[in-house]
Amino acid sequence: MRSFRKQIRPFGCLPCLFFSSAVAFFSRFLIFSFGKFTIDKPRQNIVSLSQSKWHSSHRKEFFMEKLIQYRTKESLYDGAFNNDVGWHAAGMGYILVTENGKLIVIDGGTPSDAEDFLALLENAANGNKPEVALWIITHPHTDHDGVLTRICQTPALSDRVTIKTLLYRFPEEFVEKNGNRSNIAANLRLTELSALCGAAHHQPELDEKITIDGMEFHFLYYPYDCRIINHIGNCNVCSLIFTVQGKNKKVMFTGDANSRNLQVVTWLYRKRLKCDILQMPHHALCDTGLMAFYKEVDAKILLEPTCIAGDRAMHTAYEGKAHAADNVWAEQNAERIYRSFDGTVEMTL
């Protein structure tokens, strides 16, 4: 009688052969599918938290990845809003919290927001002294960098927070519509603030990626060629545009980006712009916006750091003007809109 081993030997190699072939096929499929994504990530521009530059010393506590949109004081403005009296600046401030409690700030708001924004940081740090791993300034306007300025220049406030690194990039060859080179003074001021708070400073490169505690920051745009934007506006057109990839959601921040900036980003990245959450450029005002950009991003959640008066004007007096129709499309395409004047809100990523 033949042994059981001998009985199955002629057939035993067939499943193995099939399994090996299947593994080889799917391995090649995975390499093909995800290899292209890897090509889009230049290794020299990827910075990991394991590198000491982004290290933070928070104790181990329980946190969830989240995004906080701060309700600025100026977002409650409900007065006149038109070309005669001007468009009231609403301010903008965001806090990101990683799964291990590391804090990242985008802008902050006006100087009058400093106390409240700092209290929000303390709350995000579970009552500990907050340590901001990275403070990003999208562009040098007071309603965006005012909180940082007030904190750094006020010892009683700066003693309550540690700022590890400031991130900004304001090309000094940029020329405003009025002929001013405002970024020269802005860079000097940010350098002084960096020294006051004892922070390092970092200038992002185009397409650079920085990873902090598993949260990836991808810098899509800075004014790398000022010939594209010179003489068409103020330093709004110098706004950084970048995405933040959390565990489950991807967010895009645009600061006060102009339509010209959005055109460049759309041309450079196209399908890679898809995000879950979009901070509407320039407070969702109709002087900026781009249909092609909004369609590529296809965000179902919008963040609108705008004021009551500005939001009302865009949907009444300015309806149908300039880029209003583009912005309305983005709003209608969204499932949820968070306007800063409705209150500080946080959402998990």
Protein backbone atom coordinates (compact mmCIF):
# COMPACT_ATOMS: atom_id res chain seq x y z
CA MET A 1 0.00 0.00 0.00
CA ARG A 2 1.37 3.41 -0.96
CA SER A 3 1.89 5.94 1.78
CA PHE A 4 -0.35 9.00 2.17
CA ARG A 5 2.67 11.18 1.41
CA LYS A 6 3.23 9.45 -1.90
CA GLN A 7 -0.46 9.73 -2.76
CA ILE A 8 -0.56 13.50 -2.46
CA ARG A 9 2.90 14.32 -3.77
CA PRO A 10 1.90 14.60 -7.45
CA PHE A 11 -0.84 17.06 -6.53
CA GLY A 12 0.81 18.93 -3.68
CA CYS A 13 2.99 21.09 -5.94
CA LEU A 14 0.06 22.39 -8.01
CA PRO A 15 -1.52 24.52 -5.24
CA CYS A 16 1.93 25.75 -4.33
CA LEU A 17 2.61 26.69 -7.92
CA PHE A 18 -0.75 28.47 -8.18
CA PHE A 19 -0.16 30.30 -4.88
CA SER A 20 3.33 31.39 -5.92
CA SER A 21 2.06 32.65 -9.26
CA ALA A 22 -0.74 34.57 -7.58
CA VAL A 23 1.66 36.18 -5.11
CA ALA A 24 3.99 37.16 -7.93
CA PHE A 25 1.12 38.66 -9.94
CA PHE A 26 -0.31 40.68 -7.09
CA SER A 27 3.13 41.81 -5.98
CA ARG A 28 3.74 43.21 -9.45
CA PHE A 29 0.28 44.81 -9.37
CA LEU A 30 0.99 46.49 -6.03
CA ILE A 31 4.34 47.77 -7.22
CA PHE A 32 2.75 49.19 -10.35
CA SER A 33 -0.19 50.75 -8.50
CA PHE A 34 1.68 52.36 -5.67
CA GLY A 35 5.02 52.90 -7.36
CA LYS A 36 3.67 55.89 -9.29
CA PHE A 37 2.54 57.45 -6.04
CA THR A 38 6.02 57.03 -4.63
CA ILE A 39 7.50 58.82 -7.65
CA ASP A 40 5.39 61.85 -6.74
CA LYS A 41 7.19 62.00 -3.37
CA PRO A 42 10.77 63.16 -3.97
CA ARG A 43 12.77 61.53 -1.16
CA GLN A 44 14.95 64.58 -0.61
CA ASN A 45 11.88 66.64 0.30
CA ILE A 46 10.40 64.22 2.85
CA VAL A 47 11.10 65.19 6.45
CA SER A 48 10.20 62.75 9.22
CA LEU A 49 9.46 63.43 12.87
CA SER A 50 12.26 61.01 13.68
CA GLN A 51 14.61 63.80 12.65
CA SER A 52 15.32 65.97 15.68
CA LYS A 53 14.21 69.17 13.96
CA TRP A 54 10.54 68.31 14.44
CA HIS A 55 10.90 66.46 17.76
CA SER A 56 8.49 67.36 20.55
CA SER A 57 8.67 66.29 24.19
CA HIS A 58 4.98 65.81 25.07
CA ARG A 59 4.32 63.11 27.63
CA LYS A 60 2.36 60.09 26.43
CA GLU A 61 -1.33 60.95 26.70
CA PHE A 62 -4.45 60.03 24.79
CA PHE A 63 -5.21 62.27 21.85
CA MET A 64 -7.08 61.98 18.57
CA GLU A 65 -6.02 63.57 15.33
CA LYS A 66 -8.14 66.66 14.96
CA LEU A 67 -8.49 70.03 13.30
CA ILE A 68 -9.74 73.10 15.17
CA GLN A 69 -11.10 76.16 13.37
CA TYR A 70 -10.90 79.17 15.69
CA ARG A 71 -13.66 81.77 15.77
CA THR A 72 -11.77 85.05 15.42
CA LYS A 73 -13.10 88.22 17.00
CA GLU A 74 -13.28 89.96 13.63
CA SER A 75 -15.46 87.19 12.21
CA LEU A 76 -18.34 88.67 14.24
CA TYR A 77 -18.19 91.96 12.34
CA ASP A 78 -21.67 92.75 11.02
CA GLY A 79 -21.35 96.29 9.64
CA ALA A 80 -20.92 97.80 6.20
CA PHE A 81 -19.03 95.69 3.70
CA ASN A 82 -18.50 97.19 0.26
CA ASN A 83 -15.96 98.85 -2.01
CA ASP A 84 -16.61 102.27 -0.47
CA VAL A 85 -15.81 101.39 3.15
CA GLY A 86 -13.61 98.41 2.36
CA TRP A 87 -13.81 94.66 2.92
CA HIS A 88 -13.42 93.99 6.63
CA ALA A 89 -10.57 91.57 7.44
CA ALA A 90 -11.98 88.51 9.22
CA GLY A 91 -8.77 86.82 10.38
CA MET A 92 -7.95 83.12 10.28
CA GLY A 93 -6.61 80.59 12.77
CA TYR A 94 -6.33 76.79 12.84
CA ILE A 95 -4.83 74.23 15.20
CA LEU A 96 -3.95 70.66 14.25
CA VAL A 97 -3.46 68.00 16.95
CA THR A 98 -1.64 64.76 16.12
CA GLU A 99 -2.43 61.40 17.69
CA ASN A 100 0.35 61.91 20.24
CA GLY A 101 -0.69 65.45 21.08
CA LYS A 102 1.77 67.41 18.99
CA LEU A 103 0.43 70.82 17.98
CA ILE A 104 0.67 72.59 14.64
CA VAL A 105 -0.73 76.09 14.07
CA ILE A 106 -1.78 77.75 10.82
CA ASP A 107 -1.83 81.56 11.11
CA GLY A 108 -3.88 82.49 14.21
CA GLY A 109 -5.77 85.74 13.72
CA THR A 110 -5.37 89.40 14.65
CA PRO A 111 -3.39 90.65 17.68
CA SER A 112 -6.66 90.94 19.62
CA ASP A 113 -7.12 87.16 19.27
CA ALA A 114 -3.85 86.31 21.05
CA GLU A 115 -5.27 85.61 24.53
CA ASP A 116 -8.17 83.48 23.30
CA PHE A 117 -6.06 81.60 20.77
CA LEU A 118 -3.45 80.83 23.41
CA ALA A 119 -6.17 79.55 25.74
CA LEU A 120 -7.36 77.30 22.91
CA LEU A 121 -3.82 75.95 22.53
CA GLU A 122 -3.65 75.25 26.26
CA ASN A 123 -6.93 73.39 26.08
CA ALA A 124 -5.68 71.37 23.09
CA ALA A 125 -2.63 70.43 25.18
CA ASN A 126 -4.88 69.03 27.93
CA GLY A 127 -3.97 71.84 30.29
CA ASN A 128 -0.22 71.38 29.87
CA LYS A 129 2.05 74.14 28.61
CA PRO A 130 1.52 73.88 24.85
CA GLU A 131 4.49 73.08 22.65
CA VAL A 132 3.90 74.03 19.03
CA ALA A 133 6.00 71.79 16.80
CA LEU A 134 5.32 73.94 13.74
CA TRP A 135 3.69 77.37 13.36
CA ILE A 136 2.85 78.05 9.71
CA ILE A 137 2.24 81.60 8.46
CA THR A 138 0.51 81.50 5.07
CA HIS A 139 1.26 85.16 4.26
CA PRO A 140 2.24 88.33 6.19
CA HIS A 141 -1.07 90.11 6.78
CA THR A 142 -2.02 91.22 10.30
CA ASP A 143 -5.27 89.26 10.41
CA HIS A 144 -3.20 86.10 9.85
CA ASP A 145 0.10 86.65 11.70
CA GLY A 146 -1.18 89.03 14.39
CA VAL A 147 -1.58 86.35 17.06
CA LEU A 148 2.01 85.17 16.61
CA THR A 149 3.27 88.76 16.71
CA ARG A 150 1.41 89.61 19.92
CA ILE A 151 2.49 86.41 21.67
CA CYS A 152 6.16 86.77 20.74
CA GLN A 153 6.26 90.44 21.74
CA THR A 154 4.48 89.92 25.07
CA PRO A 155 6.57 88.03 27.66
CA ALA A 156 3.52 87.18 29.78
CA LEU A 157 2.06 85.36 26.78
CA SER A 158 5.24 83.90 25.29
CA ASP A 159 6.08 82.32 28.67
CA ARG A 160 2.93 80.21 28.34
CA VAL A 161 3.89 78.48 25.09
CA THR A 162 6.93 76.91 23.43
CA ILE A 163 7.27 77.36 19.68
CA LYS A 164 9.79 75.02 18.07
CA THR A 165 9.73 76.11 14.41
CA LEU A 166 8.18 78.90 12.34
CA LEU A 167 7.46 78.05 8.71
CA TYR A 168 6.98 80.75 6.09
CA ARG A 169 8.34 81.80 2.71
CA PHE A 170 7.90 85.35 1.41
CA PRO A 171 10.03 85.97 -1.72
CA GLU A 172 11.55 89.43 -1.56
CA GLU A 173 11.48 89.88 -5.33
CA PHE A 174 7.67 90.10 -5.18
CA VAL A 175 6.29 93.51 -6.20
CA GLU A 176 2.79 94.58 -5.16
CA LYS A 177 0.34 96.32 -7.47
CA ASN A 178 1.30 99.65 -5.87
CA GLY A 179 5.01 99.00 -6.48
CA ASN A 180 5.90 98.13 -2.88
CA ARG A 181 8.18 95.23 -1.98
CA SER A 182 6.39 94.47 1.30
CA ASN A 183 7.93 91.02 1.77
CA ILE A 184 11.31 92.56 2.63
CA ALA A 185 9.91 94.10 5.81
CA ALA A 186 7.79 91.00 6.46
CA ASN A 187 10.83 88.71 6.42
CA LEU A 188 12.69 91.02 8.78
CA ARG A 189 9.72 91.05 11.17
CA LEU A 190 9.33 87.25 11.12
CA THR A 191 13.06 86.81 11.72
CA GLU A 192 12.77 89.05 14.78
CA LEU A 193 9.73 87.11 16.03
CA SER A 194 11.63 83.86 15.58
CA ALA A 195 14.45 85.20 17.74
CA LEU A 196 12.05 86.51 20.39
CA CYS A 197 10.35 83.15 20.87
CA GLY A 198 13.51 81.09 20.42
CA ALA A 199 12.16 79.23 17.40
CA ALA A 200 13.93 77.86 14.37
CA HIS A 201 12.57 78.88 10.99
CA HIS A 202 12.02 76.85 7.86
CA GLN A 203 11.30 77.85 4.26
CA PRO A 204 9.42 75.14 2.35
CA GLU A 205 10.36 74.12 -1.16
CA LEU A 206 7.90 73.45 -3.96
CA ASP A 207 6.42 69.92 -3.58
CA GLU A 208 8.17 69.44 -0.22
CA LYS A 209 6.66 67.02 2.30
CA ILE A 210 7.07 67.16 6.07
CA THR A 211 5.77 64.43 8.37
CA ILE A 212 5.01 65.19 12.00
CA ASP A 213 3.82 62.27 14.11
CA GLY A 214 2.26 60.55 11.10
CA MET A 215 0.55 63.72 9.82
CA GLU A 216 1.91 64.64 6.38
CA PHE A 217 2.21 68.24 5.16
CA HIS A 218 2.60 68.63 1.40
CA PHE A 219 3.55 72.12 0.23
CA LEU A 220 2.00 72.51 -3.20
CA TYR A 221 2.81 76.15 -3.78
CA TYR A 222 4.86 79.12 -2.75
CA PRO A 223 5.61 82.04 -5.14
CA TYR A 224 8.57 80.31 -6.77
CA ASP A 225 8.37 82.59 -9.82
CA CYS A 226 7.20 86.09 -8.92
CA ARG A 227 6.90 87.06 -12.57
CA ILE A 228 3.59 85.18 -12.48
CA ILE A 229 2.14 87.32 -9.68
CA ASN A 230 3.99 90.65 -9.73
CA HIS A 231 1.85 93.80 -9.97
CA ILE A 232 -1.52 91.99 -9.70
CA GLY A 233 -2.30 92.50 -6.02
CA ASN A 234 -0.87 92.58 -2.52
CA CYS A 235 0.88 89.86 -0.54
CA ASN A 236 -2.27 87.71 -0.58
CA VAL A 237 -0.83 86.27 -3.79
CA CYS A 238 2.19 85.06 -1.79
CA SER A 239 0.01 82.68 0.24
CA LEU A 240 1.28 79.16 0.78
CA ILE A 241 -0.98 76.39 -0.48
CA PHE A 242 -0.55 73.00 1.17
CA THR A 243 -2.38 69.85 2.20
CA VAL A 244 -2.44 67.95 5.48
CA GLN A 245 -3.08 64.21 5.36
CA GLY A 246 -4.55 62.72 8.52
CA LYS A 247 -5.47 59.09 9.13
CA ASN A 248 -8.86 59.41 7.47
CA LYS A 249 -9.16 62.89 5.97
CA LYS A 250 -7.09 65.22 3.82
CA VAL A 251 -7.29 68.99 4.31
CA MET A 252 -6.12 71.77 1.99
CA PHE A 253 -5.17 75.23 3.24
CA THR A 254 -4.99 78.13 0.80
CA GLY A 255 -4.58 81.23 3.00
CA ASP A 256 -5.64 84.25 0.94
CA ALA A 257 -4.59 82.76 -2.40
CA ASN A 258 -5.48 84.60 -5.59
CA SER A 259 -7.04 83.02 -8.68
CA ARG A 260 -3.63 83.18 -10.38
CA ASN A 261 -2.19 81.00 -7.60
CA LEU A 262 -5.05 78.53 -7.98
CA GLN A 263 -4.42 78.34 -11.73
CA VAL A 264 -0.77 77.43 -11.18
CA VAL A 265 -1.61 74.78 -8.57
CA THR A 266 -4.29 73.26 -10.80
CA TRP A 267 -1.85 73.11 -13.70
CA LEU A 268 0.86 71.51 -11.55
CA TYR A 269 -1.17 68.89 -9.69
CA ARG A 270 -4.61 68.31 -11.26
CA LYS A 271 -6.02 65.00 -9.92
CA ARG A 272 -3.67 65.05 -6.94
CA LEU A 273 -5.61 68.03 -5.56
CA LYS A 274 -8.51 65.86 -4.36
CA CYS A 275 -9.25 66.58 -0.69
CA ASP A 276 -11.97 65.97 1.88
CA ILE A 277 -11.76 69.42 3.47
CA LEU A 278 -10.92 72.76 1.84
CA GLN A 279 -10.19 76.10 3.48
CA MET A 280 -11.77 78.49 1.01
CA PRO A 281 -9.25 80.99 -0.37
CA HIS A 282 -9.35 84.60 0.84
CA HIS A 283 -12.20 84.15 3.31
CA ALA A 284 -14.54 82.86 0.55
CA LEU A 285 -14.70 86.34 -0.99
CA CYS A 286 -15.52 86.74 -4.67
CA ASP A 287 -12.23 88.41 -5.66
CA THR A 288 -10.75 84.92 -5.87
CA GLY A 289 -11.84 81.42 -6.81
CA LEU A 290 -11.45 79.06 -9.76
CA MET A 291 -13.96 76.52 -11.02
CA ALA A 292 -11.31 74.15 -12.41
CA PHE A 293 -9.52 74.17 -9.06
CA TYR A 294 -12.70 73.52 -7.06
CA LYS A 295 -13.70 70.64 -9.32
CA GLU A 296 -10.33 68.94 -8.91
CA VAL A 297 -10.38 69.40 -5.12
CA ASP A 298 -14.03 68.26 -4.92
CA ALA A 299 -14.20 68.92 -1.16
CA LYS A 300 -17.31 67.86 0.73
CA ILE A 301 -16.41 69.97 3.77
CA LEU A 302 -15.57 73.67 3.47
CA LEU A 303 -13.89 75.91 6.04
CA GLU A 304 -14.76 79.57 5.58
CA PRO A 305 -12.83 81.97 7.85
CA THR A 306 -15.15 84.84 7.03
CA CYS A 307 -17.15 87.49 8.88
CA ILE A 308 -20.92 87.84 9.07
CA ALA A 309 -20.97 90.94 6.87
CA GLY A 310 -18.64 89.44 4.28
CA ASP A 311 -20.63 86.24 3.97
CA ARG A 312 -23.86 88.20 3.58
CA ALA A 313 -22.37 90.54 0.96
CA MET A 314 -21.04 87.66 -1.14
CA HIS A 315 -24.53 86.15 -1.33
CA THR A 316 -26.37 89.43 -1.98
CA ALA A 317 -24.65 92.58 -3.30
CA TYR A 318 -21.74 90.67 -4.88
CA GLU A 319 -23.73 87.73 -6.16
CA GLY A 320 -22.71 86.96 -9.74
CA LYS A 321 -19.67 89.27 -9.68
CA ALA A 322 -16.07 88.26 -10.38
CA HIS A 323 -15.54 84.71 -9.03
CA ALA A 324 -18.76 84.54 -7.00
CA ALA A 325 -20.22 81.81 -9.22
CA ASP A 326 -17.12 79.64 -8.73
CA ASN A 327 -17.39 79.95 -4.96
CA VAL A 328 -21.12 79.23 -5.00
CA TRP A 329 -20.41 76.05 -6.97
CA ALA A 330 -17.92 74.93 -4.30
CA GLU A 331 -20.52 75.60 -1.59
CA GLN A 332 -23.27 73.75 -3.42
CA ASN A 333 -20.93 70.82 -4.05
CA ALA A 334 -20.11 70.58 -0.33
CA GLU A 335 -22.07 68.63 2.25
CA ARG A 336 -21.03 70.78 5.19
CA ILE A 337 -19.74 74.35 5.56
CA TYR A 338 -18.09 75.66 8.74
CA ARG A 339 -18.05 79.46 8.86
CA SER A 340 -15.81 80.89 11.57
CA PHE A 341 -18.43 83.34 12.88
CA ASP A 342 -20.62 80.35 13.86
CA GLY A 343 -18.11 79.49 16.58
CA THR A 344 -14.92 77.54 17.23
CA VAL A 345 -15.31 74.00 15.92
CA GLU A 346 -13.17 70.88 15.95
CA MET A 347 -13.34 67.78 13.78
CA THR A 348 -11.46 64.50 13.75
CA LEU A 349 -9.08 63.72 10.92
